[in-house]
Amino acid sequence: MGTRYKGSADEVSALNAFIALSRAADSVLARAFVPVAELGLTPSQFGALEALYFCGPMCPGDLARKVMRSNGSVTAVVDGLVRRGWVLREKSSGDRRYRTLRLTARGRGLVRRAMPAHVELVRRQFSVLTAAERQTLRALCRAVGTGVR
């Protein structure tokens, strides 16, 4: 169902696109993270682990930007990952204020276990689109997300 807002055609069109995108994103996210939840991880925790796995060690601020979360939110997520033995906070030898986040062997193993089922669910959800449609969707989402076409 679209908006019931009575505005200009441009306003209604924008709101309807926003509603469709929001609902689709919520639906895809809810299904895509089922295997992750079965491992006891939240989507935010998995996002942090995945970023560290594929991008390598980084400082908390870089991780926050990578997973598009606030510094405070990432701190809370990382605290939990450190407690569970999946991430290490390493102090810099040159600047004691600087920390680097690094996956432990257990953290790498967890990501390796979680990725196949996660990827398969995402692949299945997007199988309703052709490869060209997925590329178009990606370009459109980037344009909306950045405000640049």
N, C-alpha and C. Protein backbone atom coordinates (compact mmCIF):
# COMPACT_ATOMS: atom_id res chain seq x y z
N MET A 1 0.85 -1.17 0.00
CA MET A 1 0.00 0.00 0.00
C MET A 1 0.90 1.23 0.00
N GLY A 2 0.50 2.22 -0.77
CA GLY A 2 1.24 3.47 -0.85
C GLY A 2 0.79 4.45 0.21
N THR A 3 1.28 5.65 0.08
CA THR A 3 0.96 6.69 1.03
C THR A 3 -0.47 7.19 0.84
N ARG A 4 -1.03 7.71 1.89
CA ARG A 4 -2.35 8.36 1.81
C ARG A 4 -2.19 9.87 1.92
N TYR A 5 -0.94 10.30 1.92
CA TYR A 5 -0.64 11.72 1.99
C TYR A 5 -1.18 12.41 0.74
N LYS A 6 -1.83 13.53 0.91
CA LYS A 6 -2.40 14.28 -0.20
C LYS A 6 -1.51 15.47 -0.52
N GLY A 7 -0.48 15.22 -1.28
CA GLY A 7 0.43 16.29 -1.68
C GLY A 7 0.56 16.33 -3.18
N SER A 8 1.59 16.98 -3.63
CA SER A 8 1.82 17.06 -5.07
C SER A 8 2.16 15.67 -5.61
N ALA A 9 2.08 15.52 -6.92
CA ALA A 9 2.41 14.23 -7.54
C ALA A 9 3.86 13.85 -7.23
N ASP A 10 4.76 14.82 -7.21
CA ASP A 10 6.17 14.56 -6.91
C ASP A 10 6.33 14.09 -5.46
N GLU A 11 5.62 14.72 -4.52
CA GLU A 11 5.70 14.31 -3.11
C GLU A 11 5.16 12.90 -2.92
N VAL A 12 4.01 12.61 -3.50
CA VAL A 12 3.40 11.29 -3.38
C VAL A 12 4.28 10.22 -4.01
N SER A 13 4.84 10.52 -5.16
CA SER A 13 5.73 9.57 -5.83
C SER A 13 6.96 9.28 -4.97
N ALA A 14 7.56 10.32 -4.39
CA ALA A 14 8.74 10.14 -3.54
C ALA A 14 8.38 9.33 -2.29
N LEU A 15 7.26 9.65 -1.66
CA LEU A 15 6.84 8.90 -0.47
C LEU A 15 6.56 7.44 -0.81
N ASN A 16 5.91 7.18 -1.93
CA ASN A 16 5.62 5.80 -2.32
C ASN A 16 6.91 5.02 -2.58
N ALA A 17 7.88 5.66 -3.22
CA ALA A 17 9.17 4.99 -3.45
C ALA A 17 9.86 4.71 -2.11
N PHE A 18 9.81 5.67 -1.20
CA PHE A 18 10.41 5.51 0.13
C PHE A 18 9.76 4.35 0.88
N ILE A 19 8.44 4.28 0.85
CA ILE A 19 7.71 3.21 1.54
C ILE A 19 8.09 1.85 0.94
N ALA A 20 8.10 1.76 -0.38
CA ALA A 20 8.44 0.48 -1.03
C ALA A 20 9.87 0.06 -0.69
N LEU A 21 10.81 0.99 -0.74
CA LEU A 21 12.20 0.68 -0.42
C LEU A 21 12.34 0.25 1.04
N SER A 22 11.70 0.96 1.94
CA SER A 22 11.78 0.63 3.37
C SER A 22 11.20 -0.75 3.67
N ARG A 23 10.06 -1.04 3.08
CA ARG A 23 9.44 -2.34 3.31
C ARG A 23 10.27 -3.47 2.71
N ALA A 24 10.79 -3.26 1.51
CA ALA A 24 11.62 -4.28 0.88
C ALA A 24 12.88 -4.52 1.72
N ALA A 25 13.52 -3.43 2.17
CA ALA A 25 14.74 -3.57 2.97
C ALA A 25 14.46 -4.31 4.27
N ASP A 26 13.39 -3.95 4.95
CA ASP A 26 13.03 -4.63 6.21
C ASP A 26 12.81 -6.12 5.97
N SER A 27 12.11 -6.46 4.89
CA SER A 27 11.80 -7.85 4.59
C SER A 27 13.07 -8.64 4.26
N VAL A 28 13.92 -8.07 3.41
CA VAL A 28 15.16 -8.74 3.03
C VAL A 28 16.06 -8.93 4.25
N LEU A 29 16.21 -7.88 5.06
CA LEU A 29 17.08 -7.97 6.24
C LEU A 29 16.58 -9.00 7.24
N ALA A 30 15.28 -9.04 7.44
CA ALA A 30 14.72 -9.99 8.40
C ALA A 30 15.04 -11.43 8.01
N ARG A 31 14.97 -11.73 6.72
CA ARG A 31 15.25 -13.10 6.26
C ARG A 31 16.74 -13.38 6.15
N ALA A 32 17.52 -12.39 5.71
CA ALA A 32 18.94 -12.62 5.44
C ALA A 32 19.75 -12.92 6.69
N PHE A 33 19.30 -12.44 7.84
CA PHE A 33 20.09 -12.62 9.05
C PHE A 33 19.61 -13.76 9.94
N VAL A 34 18.73 -14.61 9.43
CA VAL A 34 18.27 -15.76 10.22
C VAL A 34 19.44 -16.67 10.60
N PRO A 35 20.31 -17.09 9.65
CA PRO A 35 21.41 -17.97 10.07
C PRO A 35 22.40 -17.28 11.01
N VAL A 36 22.51 -15.97 10.89
CA VAL A 36 23.39 -15.20 11.76
C VAL A 36 22.81 -15.20 13.18
N ALA A 37 21.51 -15.00 13.29
CA ALA A 37 20.85 -15.02 14.60
C ALA A 37 20.96 -16.40 15.25
N GLU A 38 20.93 -17.45 14.44
CA GLU A 38 21.07 -18.81 14.97
C GLU A 38 22.44 -19.03 15.60
N LEU A 39 23.43 -18.22 15.21
CA LEU A 39 24.76 -18.29 15.81
C LEU A 39 24.89 -17.34 17.01
N GLY A 40 23.79 -16.68 17.37
CA GLY A 40 23.80 -15.78 18.52
C GLY A 40 24.31 -14.39 18.22
N LEU A 41 24.26 -13.99 16.95
CA LEU A 41 24.76 -12.68 16.55
C LEU A 41 23.62 -11.77 16.10
N THR A 42 23.75 -10.50 16.40
CA THR A 42 22.84 -9.50 15.85
C THR A 42 23.37 -9.08 14.48
N PRO A 43 22.53 -8.47 13.64
CA PRO A 43 23.02 -7.97 12.37
C PRO A 43 24.19 -6.99 12.53
N SER A 44 24.16 -6.15 13.55
CA SER A 44 25.27 -5.21 13.77
C SER A 44 26.56 -5.93 14.14
N GLN A 45 26.46 -6.95 14.97
CA GLN A 45 27.65 -7.72 15.33
C GLN A 45 28.22 -8.42 14.10
N PHE A 46 27.34 -9.03 13.31
CA PHE A 46 27.80 -9.72 12.12
C PHE A 46 28.43 -8.74 11.13
N GLY A 47 27.83 -7.56 10.99
CA GLY A 47 28.38 -6.55 10.10
C GLY A 47 29.79 -6.15 10.51
N ALA A 48 30.01 -5.98 11.80
CA ALA A 48 31.34 -5.63 12.30
C ALA A 48 32.33 -6.76 12.05
N LEU A 49 31.93 -8.00 12.34
CA LEU A 49 32.80 -9.14 12.11
C LEU A 49 33.13 -9.29 10.62
N GLU A 50 32.12 -9.15 9.80
CA GLU A 50 32.30 -9.28 8.35
C GLU A 50 33.26 -8.20 7.83
N ALA A 51 33.10 -6.97 8.30
CA ALA A 51 33.99 -5.88 7.86
C ALA A 51 35.43 -6.17 8.27
N LEU A 52 35.63 -6.61 9.50
CA LEU A 52 36.99 -6.93 9.94
C LEU A 52 37.56 -8.13 9.19
N TYR A 53 36.72 -9.08 8.85
CA TYR A 53 37.16 -10.27 8.13
C TYR A 53 37.63 -9.91 6.71
N PHE A 54 36.81 -9.15 6.01
CA PHE A 54 37.11 -8.87 4.61
C PHE A 54 38.01 -7.65 4.39
N CYS A 55 37.99 -6.70 5.31
CA CYS A 55 38.79 -5.48 5.15
C CYS A 55 40.05 -5.48 6.01
N GLY A 56 40.09 -6.35 6.99
CA GLY A 56 41.26 -6.43 7.86
C GLY A 56 41.14 -5.52 9.07
N PRO A 57 42.16 -5.52 9.91
CA PRO A 57 42.14 -4.73 11.14
C PRO A 57 41.92 -3.25 10.83
N MET A 58 41.22 -2.57 11.72
CA MET A 58 40.96 -1.14 11.57
C MET A 58 40.63 -0.52 12.91
N CYS A 59 40.69 0.78 12.97
CA CYS A 59 40.35 1.49 14.20
C CYS A 59 38.83 1.56 14.33
N PRO A 60 38.32 1.76 15.53
CA PRO A 60 36.87 1.79 15.73
C PRO A 60 36.15 2.84 14.88
N GLY A 61 36.76 3.99 14.69
CA GLY A 61 36.12 5.02 13.86
C GLY A 61 35.95 4.59 12.42
N ASP A 62 36.97 3.91 11.89
CA ASP A 62 36.87 3.40 10.52
C ASP A 62 35.80 2.31 10.42
N LEU A 63 35.73 1.47 11.44
CA LEU A 63 34.71 0.43 11.46
C LEU A 63 33.32 1.05 11.50
N ALA A 64 33.15 2.08 12.32
CA ALA A 64 31.85 2.76 12.41
C ALA A 64 31.43 3.30 11.04
N ARG A 65 32.35 3.93 10.33
CA ARG A 65 32.03 4.44 8.99
C ARG A 65 31.72 3.30 8.03
N LYS A 66 32.48 2.22 8.13
CA LYS A 66 32.29 1.09 7.22
C LYS A 66 30.91 0.45 7.38
N VAL A 67 30.46 0.30 8.62
CA VAL A 67 29.16 -0.36 8.86
C VAL A 67 28.03 0.66 9.04
N MET A 68 28.35 1.94 8.84
CA MET A 68 27.37 3.03 8.90
C MET A 68 26.62 3.07 10.23
N ARG A 69 27.39 3.10 11.30
CA ARG A 69 26.85 3.21 12.65
C ARG A 69 27.60 4.32 13.37
N SER A 70 27.04 4.78 14.46
CA SER A 70 27.72 5.81 15.25
C SER A 70 28.89 5.18 15.99
N ASN A 71 29.84 6.02 16.39
CA ASN A 71 30.98 5.53 17.16
C ASN A 71 30.53 4.84 18.44
N GLY A 72 29.55 5.43 19.13
CA GLY A 72 29.05 4.85 20.37
C GLY A 72 28.40 3.50 20.15
N SER A 73 27.66 3.37 19.08
CA SER A 73 27.00 2.10 18.76
C SER A 73 28.04 1.03 18.47
N VAL A 74 29.07 1.39 17.71
CA VAL A 74 30.11 0.43 17.38
C VAL A 74 30.89 0.03 18.63
N THR A 75 31.11 0.97 19.53
CA THR A 75 31.80 0.64 20.78
C THR A 75 31.03 -0.43 21.54
N ALA A 76 29.72 -0.27 21.63
CA ALA A 76 28.90 -1.26 22.34
C ALA A 76 28.96 -2.62 21.64
N VAL A 77 28.89 -2.63 20.32
CA VAL A 77 28.95 -3.88 19.56
C VAL A 77 30.31 -4.55 19.77
N VAL A 78 31.37 -3.77 19.66
CA VAL A 78 32.73 -4.32 19.80
C VAL A 78 32.94 -4.83 21.22
N ASP A 79 32.41 -4.14 22.22
CA ASP A 79 32.53 -4.62 23.61
C ASP A 79 32.01 -6.05 23.71
N GLY A 80 30.86 -6.31 23.13
CA GLY A 80 30.28 -7.65 23.17
C GLY A 80 31.12 -8.66 22.41
N LEU A 81 31.68 -8.25 21.28
CA LEU A 81 32.50 -9.16 20.48
C LEU A 81 33.81 -9.47 21.19
N VAL A 82 34.36 -8.49 21.89
CA VAL A 82 35.59 -8.71 22.67
C VAL A 82 35.30 -9.67 23.82
N ARG A 83 34.18 -9.46 24.53
CA ARG A 83 33.81 -10.34 25.64
C ARG A 83 33.66 -11.79 25.20
N ARG A 84 33.18 -11.99 23.98
CA ARG A 84 32.95 -13.35 23.48
C ARG A 84 34.19 -13.95 22.82
N GLY A 85 35.28 -13.20 22.79
CA GLY A 85 36.54 -13.72 22.28
C GLY A 85 36.66 -13.73 20.76
N TRP A 86 35.86 -12.92 20.07
CA TRP A 86 35.89 -12.90 18.62
C TRP A 86 36.71 -11.74 18.06
N VAL A 87 36.94 -10.71 18.89
CA VAL A 87 37.68 -9.52 18.45
C VAL A 87 38.66 -9.13 19.54
N LEU A 88 39.81 -8.62 19.13
CA LEU A 88 40.81 -8.07 20.05
C LEU A 88 40.92 -6.57 19.82
N ARG A 89 41.10 -5.83 20.92
CA ARG A 89 41.46 -4.42 20.84
C ARG A 89 42.95 -4.34 21.14
N GLU A 90 43.72 -3.89 20.18
CA GLU A 90 45.16 -3.80 20.38
C GLU A 90 45.58 -2.34 20.50
N LYS A 91 46.41 -2.05 21.50
CA LYS A 91 46.92 -0.69 21.69
C LYS A 91 48.05 -0.43 20.71
N SER A 92 48.12 0.79 20.24
CA SER A 92 49.22 1.18 19.36
C SER A 92 50.46 1.42 20.21
N SER A 93 51.59 1.00 19.70
CA SER A 93 52.83 1.22 20.45
C SER A 93 53.22 2.69 20.44
N GLY A 94 52.86 3.42 19.39
CA GLY A 94 53.23 4.82 19.28
C GLY A 94 52.28 5.78 19.99
N ASP A 95 51.00 5.44 20.05
CA ASP A 95 50.00 6.33 20.63
C ASP A 95 49.04 5.47 21.44
N ARG A 96 49.13 5.58 22.77
CA ARG A 96 48.32 4.71 23.63
C ARG A 96 46.82 4.95 23.47
N ARG A 97 46.43 6.10 22.92
CA ARG A 97 44.99 6.37 22.73
C ARG A 97 44.43 5.60 21.54
N TYR A 98 45.27 5.26 20.61
CA TYR A 98 44.86 4.60 19.37
C TYR A 98 44.71 3.10 19.58
N ARG A 99 43.60 2.56 19.12
CA ARG A 99 43.34 1.13 19.21
C ARG A 99 43.08 0.58 17.81
N THR A 100 43.48 -0.64 17.61
CA THR A 100 43.17 -1.35 16.37
C THR A 100 42.30 -2.55 16.74
N LEU A 101 41.26 -2.76 15.97
CA LEU A 101 40.38 -3.92 16.16
C LEU A 101 40.82 -5.00 15.20
N ARG A 102 40.92 -6.21 15.72
CA ARG A 102 41.40 -7.34 14.92
C ARG A 102 40.58 -8.57 15.28
N LEU A 103 40.22 -9.37 14.27
CA LEU A 103 39.53 -10.63 14.54
C LEU A 103 40.49 -11.62 15.19
N THR A 104 39.95 -12.40 16.10
CA THR A 104 40.71 -13.54 16.64
C THR A 104 40.50 -14.72 15.70
N ALA A 105 41.22 -15.79 15.95
CA ALA A 105 41.02 -17.02 15.15
C ALA A 105 39.58 -17.50 15.31
N ARG A 106 39.04 -17.39 16.52
CA ARG A 106 37.63 -17.79 16.75
C ARG A 106 36.68 -16.91 15.95
N GLY A 107 36.98 -15.61 15.88
CA GLY A 107 36.14 -14.69 15.12
C GLY A 107 36.17 -15.00 13.63
N ARG A 108 37.37 -15.29 13.11
CA ARG A 108 37.48 -15.66 11.68
C ARG A 108 36.71 -16.95 11.41
N GLY A 109 36.82 -17.91 12.31
CA GLY A 109 36.09 -19.17 12.13
C GLY A 109 34.58 -18.95 12.14
N LEU A 110 34.12 -18.07 13.00
CA LEU A 110 32.69 -17.78 13.08
C LEU A 110 32.19 -17.17 11.77
N VAL A 111 32.93 -16.22 11.23
CA VAL A 111 32.52 -15.60 9.96
C VAL A 111 32.52 -16.65 8.85
N ARG A 112 33.54 -17.50 8.81
CA ARG A 112 33.60 -18.55 7.78
C ARG A 112 32.41 -19.50 7.89
N ARG A 113 31.97 -19.78 9.12
CA ARG A 113 30.79 -20.65 9.30
C ARG A 113 29.50 -19.94 8.90
N ALA A 114 29.39 -18.65 9.19
CA ALA A 114 28.14 -17.92 8.97
C ALA A 114 27.93 -17.53 7.51
N MET A 115 28.99 -17.23 6.78
CA MET A 115 28.86 -16.66 5.44
C MET A 115 28.12 -17.53 4.44
N PRO A 116 28.38 -18.83 4.33
CA PRO A 116 27.70 -19.60 3.28
C PRO A 116 26.17 -19.54 3.38
N ALA A 117 25.62 -19.72 4.55
CA ALA A 117 24.15 -19.70 4.69
C ALA A 117 23.61 -18.29 4.46
N HIS A 118 24.32 -17.29 4.96
CA HIS A 118 23.91 -15.89 4.76
C HIS A 118 23.90 -15.55 3.27
N VAL A 119 24.98 -15.88 2.59
CA VAL A 119 25.09 -15.59 1.16
C VAL A 119 24.01 -16.33 0.38
N GLU A 120 23.74 -17.57 0.72
CA GLU A 120 22.72 -18.33 0.00
C GLU A 120 21.34 -17.70 0.18
N LEU A 121 21.03 -17.27 1.39
CA LEU A 121 19.73 -16.62 1.59
C LEU A 121 19.62 -15.33 0.80
N VAL A 122 20.68 -14.54 0.79
CA VAL A 122 20.67 -13.30 0.02
C VAL A 122 20.54 -13.62 -1.47
N ARG A 123 21.30 -14.60 -1.94
CA ARG A 123 21.23 -14.98 -3.35
C ARG A 123 19.81 -15.39 -3.74
N ARG A 124 19.18 -16.20 -2.88
CA ARG A 124 17.81 -16.64 -3.16
C ARG A 124 16.84 -15.47 -3.20
N GLN A 125 16.99 -14.53 -2.26
CA GLN A 125 16.08 -13.39 -2.23
C GLN A 125 16.21 -12.54 -3.49
N PHE A 126 17.41 -12.42 -4.01
CA PHE A 126 17.63 -11.59 -5.18
C PHE A 126 17.52 -12.37 -6.49
N SER A 127 17.22 -13.66 -6.41
CA SER A 127 17.08 -14.46 -7.62
C SER A 127 15.82 -14.09 -8.40
N VAL A 128 14.93 -13.32 -7.81
CA VAL A 128 13.75 -12.85 -8.53
C VAL A 128 14.11 -11.77 -9.55
N LEU A 129 15.34 -11.26 -9.46
CA LEU A 129 15.82 -10.25 -10.40
C LEU A 129 16.90 -10.85 -11.29
N THR A 130 16.97 -10.35 -12.51
CA THR A 130 18.07 -10.75 -13.39
C THR A 130 19.35 -10.05 -12.91
N ALA A 131 20.48 -10.49 -13.43
CA ALA A 131 21.74 -9.85 -13.08
C ALA A 131 21.72 -8.37 -13.46
N ALA A 132 21.14 -8.05 -14.61
CA ALA A 132 21.05 -6.65 -15.04
C ALA A 132 20.15 -5.85 -14.10
N GLU A 133 19.05 -6.44 -13.67
CA GLU A 133 18.15 -5.75 -12.74
C GLU A 133 18.84 -5.51 -11.39
N ARG A 134 19.64 -6.48 -10.94
CA ARG A 134 20.39 -6.30 -9.68
C ARG A 134 21.38 -5.15 -9.81
N GLN A 135 22.04 -5.04 -10.96
CA GLN A 135 22.97 -3.93 -11.19
C GLN A 135 22.23 -2.60 -11.18
N THR A 136 21.06 -2.57 -11.82
CA THR A 136 20.26 -1.35 -11.84
C THR A 136 19.80 -1.00 -10.43
N LEU A 137 19.34 -1.99 -9.69
CA LEU A 137 18.92 -1.76 -8.31
C LEU A 137 20.07 -1.20 -7.49
N ARG A 138 21.24 -1.78 -7.64
CA ARG A 138 22.43 -1.30 -6.91
C ARG A 138 22.72 0.16 -7.25
N ALA A 139 22.69 0.49 -8.51
CA ALA A 139 22.96 1.88 -8.95
C ALA A 139 21.90 2.84 -8.40
N LEU A 140 20.64 2.42 -8.44
CA LEU A 140 19.57 3.27 -7.91
C LEU A 140 19.70 3.48 -6.40
N CYS A 141 20.02 2.41 -5.68
CA CYS A 141 20.18 2.52 -4.24
C CYS A 141 21.35 3.43 -3.89
N ARG A 142 22.44 3.31 -4.63
CA ARG A 142 23.60 4.18 -4.40
C ARG A 142 23.23 5.62 -4.66
N ALA A 143 22.47 5.88 -5.73
CA ALA A 143 22.07 7.24 -6.06
C ALA A 143 21.20 7.83 -4.95
N VAL A 144 20.24 7.06 -4.47
CA VAL A 144 19.36 7.52 -3.39
C VAL A 144 20.16 7.68 -2.10
N GLY A 145 21.03 6.74 -1.82
CA GLY A 145 21.79 6.76 -0.57
C GLY A 145 22.79 7.88 -0.49
N THR A 146 23.37 8.26 -1.61
CA THR A 146 24.39 9.31 -1.61
C THR A 146 23.85 10.66 -2.07
N GLY A 147 22.70 10.64 -2.72
CA GLY A 147 22.15 11.89 -3.26
C GLY A 147 22.87 12.32 -4.53
N VAL A 148 23.64 11.39 -5.13
CA VAL A 148 24.39 11.70 -6.34
C VAL A 148 24.01 10.69 -7.41
N ARG A 149 23.76 11.15 -8.60
CA ARG A 149 23.41 10.25 -9.70
C ARG A 149 24.57 10.11 -10.65
